[in-house]
Amino acid sequence: MSLTSPGLFLSRYLSLRQDHQTRYFAIRTSNYVINIIFTTIRNIVITWLYSLCEYATP
């Protein structure tokens, strides 16, 4: 009992830690992707508005 308990605890702890790292990595990656998408959309909109203003001015 006392021999298997620490091993079981350690394996559970490591699996929980691995799961936490994986979730953190997934959240960080999705935030990174969302940031890139928003930056791209913002740049496109700014360029579009700028071209509209250029076309609007005689």
PDB file of N, CA and C in Angstrom:
ATOM      1  N   MET A   1       0.839  -1.207   0.000  1.00  0.00           N
ATOM      2  CA  MET A   1       0.000   0.000   0.000  1.00  0.00           C
ATOM      3  C   MET A   1       0.874   1.257   0.000  1.00  0.00           C
ATOM      4  N   SER A   2       1.857   1.271   0.920  1.00  0.00           N
ATOM      5  CA  SER A   2       2.679   2.475   1.026  1.00  0.00           C
ATOM      6  C   SER A   2       3.656   2.594  -0.144  1.00  0.00           C
ATOM      7  N   LEU A   3       3.894   1.474  -0.862  1.00  0.00           N
ATOM      8  CA  LEU A   3       4.807   1.525  -2.001  1.00  0.00           C
ATOM      9  C   LEU A   3       4.099   2.018  -3.258  1.00  0.00           C
ATOM     10  N   THR A   4       2.856   1.590  -3.463  1.00  0.00           N
ATOM     11  CA  THR A   4       2.144   1.977  -4.676  1.00  0.00           C
ATOM     12  C   THR A   4       1.554   3.376  -4.557  1.00  0.00           C
ATOM     13  N   SER A   5       1.278   3.832  -3.345  1.00  0.00           N
ATOM     14  CA  SER A   5       0.631   5.130  -3.160  1.00  0.00           C
ATOM     15  C   SER A   5       1.449   6.301  -3.718  1.00  0.00           C
ATOM     16  N   PRO A   6       2.763   6.405  -3.400  1.00  0.00           N
ATOM     17  CA  PRO A   6       3.515   7.535  -3.965  1.00  0.00           C
ATOM     18  C   PRO A   6       3.610   7.481  -5.483  1.00  0.00           C
ATOM     19  N   GLY A   7       3.764   6.280  -6.035  1.00  0.00           N
ATOM     20  CA  GLY A   7       3.844   6.143  -7.488  1.00  0.00           C
ATOM     21  C   GLY A   7       2.550   6.570  -8.151  1.00  0.00           C
ATOM     22  N   LEU A   8       1.435   6.160  -7.551  1.00  0.00           N
ATOM     23  CA  LEU A   8       0.131   6.531  -8.092  1.00  0.00           C
ATOM     24  C   LEU A   8      -0.064   8.045  -8.014  1.00  0.00           C
ATOM     25  N   PHE A   9       0.325   8.603  -6.864  1.00  0.00           N
ATOM     26  CA  PHE A   9       0.194  10.047  -6.678  1.00  0.00           C
ATOM     27  C   PHE A   9       1.056  10.793  -7.692  1.00  0.00           C
ATOM     28  N   LEU A  10       2.295  10.297  -7.890  1.00  0.00           N
ATOM     29  CA  LEU A  10       3.214  10.957  -8.816  1.00  0.00           C
ATOM     30  C   LEU A  10       2.690  10.898 -10.244  1.00  0.00           C
ATOM     31  N   SER A  11       2.172   9.740 -10.650  1.00  0.00           N
ATOM     32  CA  SER A  11       1.662   9.617 -12.025  1.00  0.00           C
ATOM     33  C   SER A  11       0.435  10.500 -12.226  1.00  0.00           C
ATOM     34  N   ARG A  12      -0.412  10.565 -11.193  1.00  0.00           N
ATOM     35  CA  ARG A  12      -1.593  11.435 -11.302  1.00  0.00           C
ATOM     36  C   ARG A  12      -1.174  12.898 -11.376  1.00  0.00           C
ATOM     37  N   TYR A  13      -0.187  13.255 -10.552  1.00  0.00           N
ATOM     38  CA  TYR A  13       0.296  14.638 -10.545  1.00  0.00           C
ATOM     39  C   TYR A  13       0.901  15.008 -11.897  1.00  0.00           C
ATOM     40  N   LEU A  14       1.701  14.101 -12.460  1.00  0.00           N
ATOM     41  CA  LEU A  14       2.339  14.381 -13.740  1.00  0.00           C
ATOM     42  C   LEU A  14       1.312  14.487 -14.854  1.00  0.00           C
ATOM     43  N   SER A  15       0.290  13.625 -14.820  1.00  0.00           N
ATOM     44  CA  SER A  15      -0.728  13.680 -15.876  1.00  0.00           C
ATOM     45  C   SER A  15      -1.544  14.966 -15.744  1.00  0.00           C
ATOM     46  N   LEU A  16      -1.839  15.368 -14.527  1.00  0.00           N
ATOM     47  CA  LEU A  16      -2.566  16.626 -14.326  1.00  0.00           C
ATOM     48  C   LEU A  16      -1.720  17.805 -14.801  1.00  0.00           C
ATOM     49  N   ARG A  17      -0.421  17.747 -14.490  1.00  0.00           N
ATOM     50  CA  ARG A  17       0.466  18.836 -14.883  1.00  0.00           C
ATOM     51  C   ARG A  17       0.574  18.893 -16.406  1.00  0.00           C
ATOM     52  N   GLN A  18       0.667  17.733 -17.035  1.00  0.00           N
ATOM     53  CA  GLN A  18       0.744  17.685 -18.490  1.00  0.00           C
ATOM     54  C   GLN A  18      -0.533  18.238 -19.112  1.00  0.00           C
ATOM     55  N   ASP A  19      -1.681  17.881 -18.530  1.00  0.00           N
ATOM     56  CA  ASP A  19      -2.959  18.373 -19.033  1.00  0.00           C
ATOM     57  C   ASP A  19      -3.034  19.885 -18.894  1.00  0.00           C
ATOM     58  N   HIS A  20      -2.555  20.394 -17.773  1.00  0.00           N
ATOM     59  CA  HIS A  20      -2.573  21.841 -17.547  1.00  0.00           C
ATOM     60  C   HIS A  20      -1.680  22.549 -18.558  1.00  0.00           C
ATOM     61  N   GLN A  21      -0.488  22.002 -18.811  1.00  0.00           N
ATOM     62  CA  GLN A  21       0.421  22.613 -19.778  1.00  0.00           C
ATOM     63  C   GLN A  21      -0.182  22.589 -21.177  1.00  0.00           C
ATOM     64  N   THR A  22      -0.836  21.488 -21.523  1.00  0.00           N
ATOM     65  CA  THR A  22      -1.440  21.373 -22.847  1.00  0.00           C
ATOM     66  C   THR A  22      -2.554  22.405 -23.010  1.00  0.00           C
ATOM     67  N   ARG A  23      -3.384  22.536 -21.972  1.00  0.00           N
ATOM     68  CA  ARG A  23      -4.485  23.501 -22.036  1.00  0.00           C
ATOM     69  C   ARG A  23      -3.928  24.918 -22.129  1.00  0.00           C
ATOM     70  N   TYR A  24      -2.900  25.209 -21.346  1.00  0.00           N
ATOM     71  CA  TYR A  24      -2.290  26.535 -21.373  1.00  0.00           C
ATOM     72  C   TYR A  24      -1.712  26.830 -22.747  1.00  0.00           C
ATOM     73  N   PHE A  25      -1.051  25.826 -23.337  1.00  0.00           N
ATOM     74  CA  PHE A  25      -0.462  26.006 -24.661  1.00  0.00           C
ATOM     75  C   PHE A  25      -1.556  26.248 -25.698  1.00  0.00           C
ATOM     76  N   ALA A  26      -2.662  25.517 -25.578  1.00  0.00           N
ATOM     77  CA  ALA A  26      -3.766  25.688 -26.532  1.00  0.00           C
ATOM     78  C   ALA A  26      -4.370  27.081 -26.408  1.00  0.00           C
ATOM     79  N   ILE A  27      -4.551  27.540 -25.171  1.00  0.00           N
ATOM     80  CA  ILE A  27      -5.114  28.878 -24.953  1.00  0.00           C
ATOM     81  C   ILE A  27      -4.170  29.942 -25.512  1.00  0.00           C
ATOM     82  N   ARG A  28      -2.867  29.755 -25.257  1.00  0.00           N
ATOM     83  CA  ARG A  28      -1.893  30.736 -25.731  1.00  0.00           C
ATOM     84  C   ARG A  28      -1.846  30.766 -27.250  1.00  0.00           C
ATOM     85  N   THR A  29      -1.915  29.587 -27.862  1.00  0.00           N
ATOM     86  CA  THR A  29      -1.873  29.516 -29.325  1.00  0.00           C
ATOM     87  C   THR A  29      -3.112  30.161 -29.936  1.00  0.00           C
ATOM     88  N   SER A  30      -4.294  29.879 -29.361  1.00  0.00           N
ATOM     89  CA  SER A  30      -5.522  30.451 -29.916  1.00  0.00           C
ATOM     90  C   SER A  30      -5.529  31.973 -29.739  1.00  0.00           C
ATOM     91  N   ASN A  31      -5.020  32.442 -28.613  1.00  0.00           N
ATOM     92  CA  ASN A  31      -4.927  33.892 -28.423  1.00  0.00           C
ATOM     93  C   ASN A  31      -4.001  34.511 -29.453  1.00  0.00           C
ATOM     94  N   TYR A  32      -2.899  33.819 -29.752  1.00  0.00           N
ATOM     95  CA  TYR A  32      -1.939  34.303 -30.747  1.00  0.00           C
ATOM     96  C   TYR A  32      -2.588  34.378 -32.127  1.00  0.00           C
ATOM     97  N   VAL A  33      -3.333  33.328 -32.484  1.00  0.00           N
ATOM     98  CA  VAL A  33      -3.994  33.284 -33.791  1.00  0.00           C
ATOM     99  C   VAL A  33      -5.060  34.373 -33.888  1.00  0.00           C
ATOM    100  N   ILE A  34      -5.849  34.535 -32.819  1.00  0.00           N
ATOM    101  CA  ILE A  34      -6.891  35.572 -32.804  1.00  0.00           C
ATOM    102  C   ILE A  34      -6.252  36.955 -32.945  1.00  0.00           C
ATOM    103  N   ASN A  35      -5.121  37.149 -32.275  1.00  0.00           N
ATOM    104  CA  ASN A  35      -4.413  38.425 -32.352  1.00  0.00           C
ATOM    105  C   ASN A  35      -3.963  38.704 -33.782  1.00  0.00           C
ATOM    106  N   ILE A  36      -3.419  37.689 -34.447  1.00  0.00           N
ATOM    107  CA  ILE A  36      -2.975  37.853 -35.842  1.00  0.00           C
ATOM    108  C   ILE A  36      -4.159  38.192 -36.738  1.00  0.00           C
ATOM    109  N   ILE A  37      -5.280  37.479 -36.551  1.00  0.00           N
ATOM    110  CA  ILE A  37      -6.462  37.710 -37.382  1.00  0.00           C
ATOM    111  C   ILE A  37      -6.985  39.129 -37.193  1.00  0.00           C
ATOM    112  N   PHE A  38      -7.068  39.561 -35.924  1.00  0.00           N
ATOM    113  CA  PHE A  38      -7.571  40.913 -35.666  1.00  0.00           C
ATOM    114  C   PHE A  38      -6.643  41.972 -36.236  1.00  0.00           C
ATOM    115  N   THR A  39      -5.337  41.755 -36.123  1.00  0.00           N
ATOM    116  CA  THR A  39      -4.386  42.715 -36.672  1.00  0.00           C
ATOM    117  C   THR A  39      -4.521  42.805 -38.184  1.00  0.00           C
ATOM    118  N   THR A  40      -4.681  41.648 -38.822  1.00  0.00           N
ATOM    119  CA  THR A  40      -4.823  41.626 -40.279  1.00  0.00           C
ATOM    120  C   THR A  40      -6.098  42.352 -40.712  1.00  0.00           C
ATOM    121  N   ILE A  41      -7.200  42.051 -40.032  1.00  0.00           N
ATOM    122  CA  ILE A  41      -8.479  42.703 -40.372  1.00  0.00           C
ATOM    123  C   ILE A  41      -8.361  44.216 -40.172  1.00  0.00           C
ATOM    124  N   ARG A  42      -7.717  44.609 -39.057  1.00  0.00           N
ATOM    125  CA  ARG A  42      -7.565  46.040 -38.779  1.00  0.00           C
ATOM    126  C   ARG A  42      -6.744  46.722 -39.864  1.00  0.00           C
ATOM    127  N   ASN A  43      -5.657  46.078 -40.272  1.00  0.00           N
ATOM    128  CA  ASN A  43      -4.817  46.662 -41.332  1.00  0.00           C
ATOM    129  C   ASN A  43      -5.580  46.771 -42.645  1.00  0.00           C
ATOM    130  N   ILE A  44      -6.378  45.756 -42.962  1.00  0.00           N
ATOM    131  CA  ILE A  44      -7.170  45.786 -44.200  1.00  0.00           C
ATOM    132  C   ILE A  44      -8.182  46.931 -44.149  1.00  0.00           C
ATOM    133  N   VAL A  45      -8.854  47.071 -43.001  1.00  0.00           N
ATOM    134  CA  VAL A  45      -9.862  48.137 -42.866  1.00  0.00           C
ATOM    135  C   VAL A  45      -9.208  49.509 -42.957  1.00  0.00           C
ATOM    136  N   ILE A  46      -8.060  49.661 -42.292  1.00  0.00           N
ATOM    137  CA  ILE A  46      -7.363  50.948 -42.339  1.00  0.00           C
ATOM    138  C   ILE A  46      -6.947  51.277 -43.771  1.00  0.00           C
ATOM    139  N   THR A  47      -6.410  50.281 -44.481  1.00  0.00           N
ATOM    140  CA  THR A  47      -6.003  50.504 -45.870  1.00  0.00           C
ATOM    141  C   THR A  47      -7.204  50.858 -46.740  1.00  0.00           C
ATOM    142  N   TRP A  48      -8.311  50.148 -46.499  1.00  0.00           N
ATOM    143  CA  TRP A  48      -9.527  50.391 -47.271  1.00  0.00           C
ATOM    144  C   TRP A  48     -10.059  51.799 -47.034  1.00  0.00           C
ATOM    145  N   LEU A  49     -10.121  52.204 -45.754  1.00  0.00           N
ATOM    146  CA  LEU A  49     -10.591  53.554 -45.437  1.00  0.00           C
ATOM    147  C   LEU A  49      -9.667  54.611 -46.029  1.00  0.00           C
ATOM    148  N   TYR A  50      -8.360  54.330 -45.957  1.00  0.00           N
ATOM    149  CA  TYR A  50      -7.394  55.276 -46.508  1.00  0.00           C
ATOM    150  C   TYR A  50      -7.579  55.430 -48.018  1.00  0.00           C
ATOM    151  N   SER A  51      -7.808  54.320 -48.706  1.00  0.00           N
ATOM    152  CA  SER A  51      -8.017  54.390 -50.154  1.00  0.00           C
ATOM    153  C   SER A  51      -9.340  55.089 -50.473  1.00  0.00           C
ATOM    154  N   LEU A  52     -10.363  54.869 -49.625  1.00  0.00           N
ATOM    155  CA  LEU A  52     -11.635  55.566 -49.832  1.00  0.00           C
ATOM    156  C   LEU A  52     -11.442  57.069 -49.691  1.00  0.00           C
ATOM    157  N   CYS A  53     -10.680  57.479 -48.673  1.00  0.00           N
ATOM    158  CA  CYS A  53     -10.435  58.902 -48.472  1.00  0.00           C
ATOM    159  C   CYS A  53      -9.651  59.479 -49.644  1.00  0.00           C
ATOM    160  N   GLU A  54      -8.695  58.701 -50.146  1.00  0.00           N
ATOM    161  CA  GLU A  54      -7.910  59.181 -51.290  1.00  0.00           C
ATOM    162  C   GLU A  54      -8.793  59.324 -52.520  1.00  0.00           C
ATOM    163  N   TYR A  55      -9.704  58.370 -52.727  1.00  0.00           N
ATOM    164  CA  TYR A  55     -10.603  58.460 -53.880  1.00  0.00           C
ATOM    165  C   TYR A  55     -11.608  59.599 -53.703  1.00  0.00           C
ATOM    166  N   ALA A  56     -12.010  59.846 -52.458  1.00  0.00           N
ATOM    167  CA  ALA A  56     -13.026  60.861 -52.200  1.00  0.00           C
ATOM    168  C   ALA A  56     -12.472  62.265 -52.413  1.00  0.00           C
ATOM    169  N   THR A  57     -11.185  62.447 -52.107  1.00  0.00           N
ATOM    170  CA  THR A  57     -10.616  63.793 -52.267  1.00  0.00           C
ATOM    171  C   THR A  57     -10.336  64.066 -53.740  1.00  0.00           C
ATOM    172  N   PRO A  58     -10.773  65.173 -54.250  1.00  0.00           N
ATOM    173  CA  PRO A  58     -10.568  65.495 -55.675  1.00  0.00           C
ATOM    174  C   PRO A  58      -9.128  65.905 -55.956  1.00  0.00           C
TER     175      PRO A  58
END
